[in-house]
Amino acid sequence: MTTIALACQEQLLPGTNLIQKYALAAALGYQGIELRGRGDGAFARRLPELRRARAAGVVMPTVCVEMDHFIGDFDPARSADAVRNLRSQLSVIAELGGVGVMTPASWGMFSRRLPPFEPPRPPAGDRLVLLDALGELGEHARAEGVTLFLEPLNRYEDHMVNRLDEAVALCAAVGVPSVRVVADTFHMNIEEDDVHRALRAAAPYLGHVQVSDSNRYQPGAGHLDWPALVRTLLELDYRGWLALECRLRGDPVRALQQAATVLRHALPRRAAA
């Protein structure tokens, strides 16, 4: 039976270091910590800390970027800097024995839903910039033995890649197995007409899943149907992680415990063990 492991992003866990955070995460029912990758080379500078954590048994499968500019930036210099940082993060997560690094096309740069409504670069230009960046990063990820994950964001946070099928089309155009897509349940709740149909269509390219409820709080705090969503992933034989990326409502430890309980109960007994 397919096993889906649970991870929690590091900033959500109380504790002064990754070893303490992982001990709490494991006690609450998580099997890994999803790291956050800041720009300006900051993630690579964490290597001594990350090596100590790995030596202590901390499982760190993935990195979610935390930068103020991304590969689809309108400014070529900022786009190139995002690529440099992602190359570094891919190398670091490879050293840690992890799976990969995720990035959106952009975040907070432009939305067609807000004035002035029309971006300064046409869709063909967006596509070219993204394909160039994804191609370079995909080759670097393949050389390192890890994966770059492209994450669609909702229409208010990005104008380029909002749905899973848009991310899949870019991955297919790049054509390397080291570039895959991230399904984020919060963004999907806004953008996808049918979450389950979207997951099924994206299945050949689905490499990672991030979870939060409909209101961006922990699973169980909103209206998403977690048993149905997990059942779809199991039907697709999804072998990746479910990584908690959300805000926490209420006491942090209780909120994290609620999320883990909701997700574990959605999994078959053998898969949750």
Protein backbone atom coordinates (compact mmCIF):
# COMPACT_ATOMS: atom_id res chain seq x y z
CA MET A 1 0.00 0.00 0.00
CA THR A 2 1.28 3.46 -0.87
CA THR A 3 2.80 5.40 2.01
CA ILE A 4 2.57 9.18 2.09
CA ALA A 5 4.88 10.80 4.62
CA LEU A 6 4.06 14.04 6.44
CA ALA A 7 6.44 17.00 6.76
CA CYS A 8 6.10 20.31 8.57
CA GLN A 9 7.79 23.55 7.56
CA GLU A 10 10.49 24.57 9.97
CA GLN A 11 9.13 28.01 10.89
CA LEU A 12 5.90 26.48 12.22
CA LEU A 13 7.66 24.34 14.82
CA PRO A 14 8.59 25.76 18.24
CA GLY A 15 12.21 25.16 19.20
CA THR A 16 15.59 26.84 19.09
CA ASN A 17 17.19 24.52 16.51
CA LEU A 18 16.29 21.88 13.94
CA ILE A 19 17.07 19.01 16.28
CA GLN A 20 14.57 20.27 18.86
CA LYS A 21 12.02 21.05 16.15
CA TYR A 22 12.34 17.57 14.67
CA ALA A 23 11.87 15.91 18.05
CA LEU A 24 8.59 17.80 18.46
CA ALA A 25 7.55 17.12 14.88
CA ALA A 26 8.15 13.38 15.30
CA ALA A 27 6.20 13.36 18.55
CA LEU A 28 3.27 14.99 16.78
CA GLY A 29 3.29 12.52 13.90
CA TYR A 30 5.45 14.13 11.20
CA GLN A 31 8.29 12.31 9.50
CA GLY A 32 10.27 15.27 8.14
CA ILE A 33 10.91 19.01 8.16
CA GLU A 34 10.49 21.14 5.06
CA LEU A 35 13.15 23.83 5.10
CA ARG A 36 12.86 27.46 3.99
CA GLY A 37 15.47 28.75 1.56
CA ARG A 38 16.25 32.45 1.81
CA GLY A 39 18.06 34.36 -0.89
CA ASP A 40 21.44 36.10 -1.04
CA GLY A 41 23.15 32.74 -0.51
CA ALA A 42 21.71 32.50 3.01
CA PHE A 43 20.64 28.89 2.62
CA ALA A 44 24.13 27.72 1.69
CA ARG A 45 25.52 29.58 4.72
CA ARG A 46 23.33 27.33 6.88
CA LEU A 47 25.27 24.24 5.80
CA PRO A 48 27.10 23.73 9.12
CA GLU A 49 23.77 23.83 10.97
CA LEU A 50 22.09 21.57 8.41
CA ARG A 51 24.94 19.05 8.49
CA ARG A 52 24.68 18.83 12.29
CA ALA A 53 20.95 18.29 12.01
CA ARG A 54 21.35 15.55 9.43
CA ALA A 55 24.01 13.84 11.56
CA ALA A 56 21.50 13.88 14.43
CA GLY A 57 18.91 12.12 12.26
CA VAL A 58 16.77 15.07 11.17
CA VAL A 59 14.96 14.25 7.91
CA MET A 60 14.88 17.27 5.58
CA PRO A 61 13.37 16.24 2.24
CA THR A 62 12.56 19.57 0.64
CA VAL A 63 13.20 23.32 0.54
CA CYS A 64 10.60 26.00 -0.12
CA VAL A 65 12.13 29.26 -1.32
CA GLU A 66 11.68 32.38 0.81
CA MET A 67 12.97 35.17 -1.42
CA ASP A 68 11.70 38.56 -2.58
CA HIS A 69 12.25 37.84 -6.29
CA PHE A 70 11.93 34.73 -8.40
CA ILE A 71 12.75 33.17 -11.76
CA GLY A 72 9.96 35.00 -13.60
CA ASP A 73 10.96 38.49 -12.47
CA PHE A 74 10.55 41.28 -15.02
CA ASP A 75 14.11 42.41 -14.25
CA PRO A 76 16.60 40.03 -15.94
CA ALA A 77 19.18 40.63 -13.21
CA ARG A 78 16.73 39.65 -10.47
CA SER A 79 15.61 36.60 -12.44
CA ALA A 80 19.24 35.53 -12.88
CA ASP A 81 19.86 36.02 -9.16
CA ALA A 82 16.88 33.80 -8.35
CA VAL A 83 18.32 31.11 -10.63
CA ARG A 84 21.71 31.38 -8.88
CA ASN A 85 20.11 30.98 -5.48
CA LEU A 86 18.04 28.01 -6.61
CA ARG A 87 21.11 26.31 -8.08
CA SER A 88 22.79 26.69 -4.70
CA GLN A 89 19.74 25.42 -2.83
CA LEU A 90 19.50 22.39 -5.11
CA SER A 91 23.13 21.55 -4.35
CA VAL A 92 22.59 21.93 -0.61
CA ILE A 93 19.49 19.73 -0.48
CA ALA A 94 21.33 17.14 -2.55
CA GLU A 95 24.14 17.05 0.01
CA LEU A 96 21.54 16.56 2.74
CA GLY A 97 20.08 13.56 0.94
CA GLY A 98 16.86 15.40 0.21
CA VAL A 99 14.40 15.31 -2.67
CA GLY A 100 14.33 18.81 -4.10
CA VAL A 101 13.55 22.52 -4.05
CA MET A 102 10.34 24.29 -4.99
CA THR A 103 9.74 27.71 -6.46
CA PRO A 104 6.86 29.66 -7.96
CA ALA A 105 7.26 31.56 -11.21
CA SER A 106 6.94 34.66 -9.08
CA TRP A 107 5.18 35.87 -5.96
CA GLY A 108 3.65 39.28 -5.32
CA MET A 109 5.17 40.82 -8.45
CA PHE A 110 2.02 41.29 -10.52
CA SER A 111 -1.64 40.27 -10.63
CA ARG A 112 -4.06 40.72 -13.52
CA ARG A 113 -6.79 41.03 -10.88
CA LEU A 114 -5.47 44.35 -9.59
CA PRO A 115 -4.64 47.67 -11.32
CA PRO A 116 -3.03 48.23 -13.79
CA PHE A 117 -4.29 44.76 -14.91
CA GLU A 118 -1.92 44.41 -17.88
CA PRO A 119 1.67 43.31 -17.09
CA PRO A 120 4.64 44.98 -18.80
CA ARG A 121 5.71 41.72 -20.46
CA PRO A 122 3.49 39.71 -22.85
CA PRO A 123 2.68 36.02 -22.20
CA ALA A 124 5.19 34.87 -24.82
CA GLY A 125 7.90 36.76 -22.94
CA ASP A 126 6.82 35.20 -19.65
CA ARG A 127 7.04 31.74 -21.19
CA LEU A 128 10.50 32.32 -22.65
CA VAL A 129 11.91 33.58 -19.35
CA LEU A 130 10.41 30.68 -17.42
CA LEU A 131 11.55 28.03 -19.89
CA ASP A 132 15.09 29.38 -19.90
CA ALA A 133 15.25 29.35 -16.09
CA LEU A 134 13.56 25.97 -15.71
CA GLY A 135 15.82 24.45 -18.35
CA GLU A 136 18.99 25.59 -16.61
CA LEU A 137 17.73 24.59 -13.18
CA GLY A 138 16.43 21.27 -14.43
CA GLU A 139 19.82 20.31 -15.82
CA HIS A 140 21.51 21.34 -12.58
CA ALA A 141 18.96 19.38 -10.54
CA ARG A 142 19.50 16.31 -12.72
CA ALA A 143 23.26 16.55 -12.24
CA GLU A 144 22.76 16.76 -8.47
CA GLY A 145 20.27 13.92 -8.38
CA VAL A 146 17.38 16.02 -7.06
CA THR A 147 14.27 17.73 -8.45
CA LEU A 148 13.10 21.28 -9.06
CA PHE A 149 9.40 21.68 -8.29
CA LEU A 150 7.37 24.46 -9.97
CA GLU A 151 4.49 25.70 -7.81
CA PRO A 152 1.37 27.37 -9.25
CA LEU A 153 0.08 30.25 -7.12
CA ASN A 154 -3.37 31.79 -7.09
CA ARG A 155 -4.30 34.69 -9.39
CA TYR A 156 -3.81 37.33 -6.69
CA GLU A 157 -0.19 36.31 -6.03
CA ASP A 158 1.08 35.61 -9.56
CA HIS A 159 -0.12 36.20 -13.12
CA MET A 160 1.96 33.55 -14.92
CA VAL A 161 1.32 30.09 -13.45
CA ASN A 162 -1.94 29.67 -11.53
CA ARG A 163 -3.12 26.12 -12.27
CA LEU A 164 -1.53 22.69 -12.32
CA ASP A 165 -2.07 22.29 -16.07
CA GLU A 166 -0.11 25.50 -16.71
CA ALA A 167 2.79 24.20 -14.63
CA VAL A 168 2.60 20.81 -16.34
CA ALA A 169 2.77 22.46 -19.78
CA LEU A 170 6.00 24.22 -18.81
CA CYS A 171 7.49 21.04 -17.37
CA ALA A 172 6.60 19.14 -20.52
CA ALA A 173 8.18 21.84 -22.67
CA VAL A 174 11.40 21.70 -20.65
CA GLY A 175 11.40 17.95 -21.11
CA VAL A 176 13.67 16.80 -18.29
CA PRO A 177 12.47 14.46 -15.51
CA SER A 178 14.10 16.64 -12.86
CA VAL A 179 11.46 19.39 -13.29
CA ARG A 180 8.09 18.55 -11.74
CA VAL A 181 5.09 20.36 -10.25
CA VAL A 182 3.90 21.15 -6.73
CA ALA A 183 0.23 20.92 -5.85
CA ASP A 184 -0.68 23.37 -3.08
CA THR A 185 -4.15 22.73 -1.69
CA PHE A 186 -4.76 26.39 -0.78
CA HIS A 187 -4.01 27.69 -4.27
CA MET A 188 -5.88 24.78 -5.87
CA ASN A 189 -8.95 25.60 -3.79
CA ILE A 190 -9.00 29.01 -5.49
CA GLU A 191 -7.92 28.14 -9.03
CA GLU A 192 -8.98 24.61 -9.95
CA ASP A 193 -12.51 23.89 -11.16
CA ASP A 194 -12.16 20.35 -9.83
CA VAL A 195 -9.23 19.62 -7.51
CA HIS A 196 -9.38 15.86 -8.04
CA ARG A 197 -9.58 16.08 -11.81
CA ALA A 198 -6.65 18.52 -11.81
CA LEU A 199 -4.54 16.14 -9.71
CA ARG A 200 -5.34 13.22 -11.97
CA ALA A 201 -4.42 15.19 -15.09
CA ALA A 202 -1.14 16.35 -13.51
CA ALA A 203 -0.24 12.93 -12.07
CA PRO A 204 2.69 12.14 -14.42
CA TYR A 205 4.37 15.40 -13.36
CA LEU A 206 3.23 15.59 -9.72
CA GLY A 207 6.28 15.57 -7.47
CA HIS A 208 5.27 17.30 -4.25
CA VAL A 209 2.14 18.37 -2.34
CA GLN A 210 1.85 21.23 0.16
CA VAL A 211 -1.16 21.32 2.43
CA SER A 212 -3.19 23.98 4.16
CA ASP A 213 -6.92 24.32 4.52
CA SER A 214 -9.25 26.53 2.48
CA ASN A 215 -8.54 29.55 4.72
CA ARG A 216 -4.74 29.06 4.72
CA TYR A 217 -4.81 27.72 8.29
CA GLN A 218 -3.92 24.18 9.34
CA PRO A 219 -5.86 21.22 7.93
CA GLY A 220 -9.03 20.86 9.93
CA ALA A 221 -9.54 24.61 10.35
CA GLY A 222 -11.38 25.08 7.03
CA HIS A 223 -13.72 23.23 4.70
CA LEU A 224 -11.46 21.05 2.50
CA ASP A 225 -12.36 17.36 2.30
CA TRP A 226 -9.10 15.77 3.39
CA PRO A 227 -10.14 12.11 3.14
CA ALA A 228 -11.28 12.68 -0.45
CA LEU A 229 -8.10 14.54 -1.38
CA VAL A 230 -5.80 11.92 0.15
CA ARG A 231 -7.85 9.16 -1.45
CA THR A 232 -7.23 10.73 -4.85
CA LEU A 233 -3.48 10.88 -4.19
CA LEU A 234 -3.47 7.23 -3.13
CA GLU A 235 -5.38 6.26 -6.27
CA LEU A 236 -2.67 8.02 -8.28
CA ASP A 237 0.01 6.06 -6.42
CA TYR A 238 1.56 9.34 -5.28
CA ARG A 239 4.85 8.57 -3.50
CA GLY A 240 5.92 12.06 -2.42
CA TRP A 241 5.42 14.08 0.74
CA LEU A 242 2.52 16.03 2.22
CA ALA A 243 4.22 19.13 3.60
CA LEU A 244 2.39 21.46 5.95
CA GLU A 245 2.63 25.07 4.74
CA CYS A 246 0.05 27.23 6.46
CA ARG A 247 -0.74 29.71 9.17
CA LEU A 248 -1.56 28.30 12.59
CA ARG A 249 -4.80 29.14 14.36
CA GLY A 250 -4.66 28.79 18.13
CA ASP A 251 -1.86 27.33 20.20
CA PRO A 252 0.92 26.31 17.77
CA VAL A 253 1.52 22.83 19.18
CA ARG A 254 -2.19 22.04 19.32
CA ALA A 255 -2.64 23.38 15.79
CA LEU A 256 0.20 21.21 14.49
CA GLN A 257 -1.24 18.22 16.32
CA GLN A 258 -4.67 18.91 14.80
CA ALA A 259 -3.17 19.04 11.30
CA ALA A 260 -1.25 15.79 11.76
CA THR A 261 -4.32 14.07 13.20
CA VAL A 262 -6.54 15.20 10.32
CA LEU A 263 -4.01 14.04 7.72
CA ARG A 264 -3.24 10.73 9.44
CA HIS A 265 -6.94 9.92 9.77
CA ALA A 266 -7.32 10.59 6.05
CA LEU A 267 -4.68 7.95 5.30
CA PRO A 268 -5.33 4.20 5.41
CA ARG A 269 -4.03 2.63 8.61
CA ARG A 270 -1.06 0.90 6.98
CA ALA A 271 -0.08 4.09 5.09
CA ALA A 272 -0.16 6.18 8.25
CA ALA A 273 1.93 3.76 10.32
